[in-house]
Every structure is written in structure tokens, then in C-alpha cells.
Amino acid sequence: MGGLGDMVNKAKDMLGGDAGVDDAIDQAADAVKEKTPDAVDGAVDQAAQIAKDNI
């Protein structure tokens, strides 16, 4: 089997497993929140959680 699943697993391994992926998503969310108005923080947090739940 190949494809997207393999790519996701390789990315997870490069980031140090699931915890590393979660940290990377949190860092990306924090970067977005620094550059956008506070009013969108909740949406950014929701998007980050959805990404964590689906990766």
C-alpha cells in the first residue's frame, strides 16, 4: 500500500510521532493567532484541534 497514508506516517516519524505532530500544529496555530485579530483565535483553535484529531 502507498499513497497518502505512507506520507502521513513518514511526516509523523520526522516530527517525533503523534506528540511531535501535535506540537507542530500548535506552533502553526500560535503563529496564525499572532498575525490575525483576536476575534479569530477560537476558529484557529478549532481548526488546530480538527487537524490533530484527523492526522
C-alpha atoms as a PDB file:
ATOM      1  CA  MET A   1       0.000   0.000   0.000  1.00  0.00           C
ATOM      2  CA  GLY A   2       1.241   3.503  -0.573  1.00  0.00           C
ATOM      3  CA  GLY A   3      -0.059   6.930  -1.021  1.00  0.00           C
ATOM      4  CA  LEU A   4      -1.232   9.489   1.464  1.00  0.00           C
ATOM      5  CA  GLY A   5      -1.173   7.181   4.475  1.00  0.00           C
ATOM      6  CA  ASP A   6       2.513   6.462   3.955  1.00  0.00           C
ATOM      7  CA  MET A   7       3.288  10.157   3.558  1.00  0.00           C
ATOM      8  CA  VAL A   8       1.412  10.992   6.769  1.00  0.00           C
ATOM      9  CA  ASN A   9       3.246   8.269   8.665  1.00  0.00           C
ATOM     10  CA  LYS A  10       6.617   9.462   7.351  1.00  0.00           C
ATOM     11  CA  ALA A  11       5.790  13.042   8.379  1.00  0.00           C
ATOM     12  CA  LYS A  12       4.777  11.841  11.849  1.00  0.00           C
ATOM     13  CA  ASP A  13       8.050   9.954  12.188  1.00  0.00           C
ATOM     14  CA  MET A  14      10.036  13.014  11.127  1.00  0.00           C
ATOM     15  CA  LEU A  15       8.238  15.144  13.723  1.00  0.00           C
ATOM     16  CA  GLY A  16       8.762  12.639  16.512  1.00  0.00           C
ATOM     17  CA  GLY A  17       5.456  10.769  16.446  1.00  0.00           C
ATOM     18  CA  ASP A  18       1.972  11.932  17.323  1.00  0.00           C
ATOM     19  CA  ALA A  19       3.189  14.260  20.097  1.00  0.00           C
ATOM     20  CA  GLY A  20       5.546  15.955  17.649  1.00  0.00           C
ATOM     21  CA  VAL A  21       2.728  16.428  15.165  1.00  0.00           C
ATOM     22  CA  ASP A  22       0.522  17.968  17.852  1.00  0.00           C
ATOM     23  CA  ASP A  23       3.339  20.333  18.835  1.00  0.00           C
ATOM     24  CA  ALA A  24       3.861  21.371  15.211  1.00  0.00           C
ATOM     25  CA  ILE A  25       0.140  22.051  14.780  1.00  0.00           C
ATOM     26  CA  ASP A  26       0.124  24.096  17.990  1.00  0.00           C
ATOM     27  CA  GLN A  27       3.115  26.115  16.786  1.00  0.00           C
ATOM     28  CA  ALA A  28       1.424  26.801  13.472  1.00  0.00           C
ATOM     29  CA  ALA A  29      -1.797  27.834  15.235  1.00  0.00           C
ATOM     30  CA  ASP A  30       0.130  30.170  17.533  1.00  0.00           C
ATOM     31  CA  ALA A  31       1.849  31.760  14.534  1.00  0.00           C
ATOM     32  CA  VAL A  32      -1.503  32.332  12.837  1.00  0.00           C
ATOM     33  CA  LYS A  33      -3.002  33.804  16.020  1.00  0.00           C
ATOM     34  CA  GLU A  34      -0.081  36.248  16.317  1.00  0.00           C
ATOM     35  CA  LYS A  35      -0.771  37.578  12.812  1.00  0.00           C
ATOM     36  CA  THR A  36      -4.564  37.741  12.926  1.00  0.00           C
ATOM     37  CA  PRO A  37      -7.111  39.641  15.030  1.00  0.00           C
ATOM     38  CA  ASP A  38      -8.030  38.122  18.392  1.00  0.00           C
ATOM     39  CA  ALA A  39     -11.557  37.556  17.107  1.00  0.00           C
ATOM     40  CA  VAL A  40     -10.350  34.585  15.029  1.00  0.00           C
ATOM     41  CA  ASP A  41      -8.447  32.815  17.810  1.00  0.00           C
ATOM     42  CA  GLY A  42     -11.350  30.484  18.542  1.00  0.00           C
ATOM     43  CA  ALA A  43     -11.629  29.425  14.913  1.00  0.00           C
ATOM     44  CA  VAL A  44      -7.879  28.835  14.717  1.00  0.00           C
ATOM     45  CA  ASP A  45      -8.005  26.695  17.860  1.00  0.00           C
ATOM     46  CA  GLN A  46     -10.905  24.683  16.435  1.00  0.00           C
ATOM     47  CA  ALA A  47      -9.086  24.134  13.154  1.00  0.00           C
ATOM     48  CA  ALA A  48      -5.958  23.027  15.011  1.00  0.00           C
ATOM     49  CA  GLN A  49      -7.963  20.528  17.061  1.00  0.00           C
ATOM     50  CA  ILE A  50      -9.633  19.148  13.949  1.00  0.00           C
ATOM     51  CA  ALA A  51      -6.221  18.729  12.334  1.00  0.00           C
ATOM     52  CA  LYS A  52      -4.896  16.893  15.418  1.00  0.00           C
ATOM     53  CA  ASP A  53      -7.948  14.632  15.509  1.00  0.00           C
ATOM     54  CA  ASN A  54      -7.612  13.688  11.842  1.00  0.00           C
ATOM     55  CA  ILE A  55      -3.876  13.180  11.459  1.00  0.00           C
END
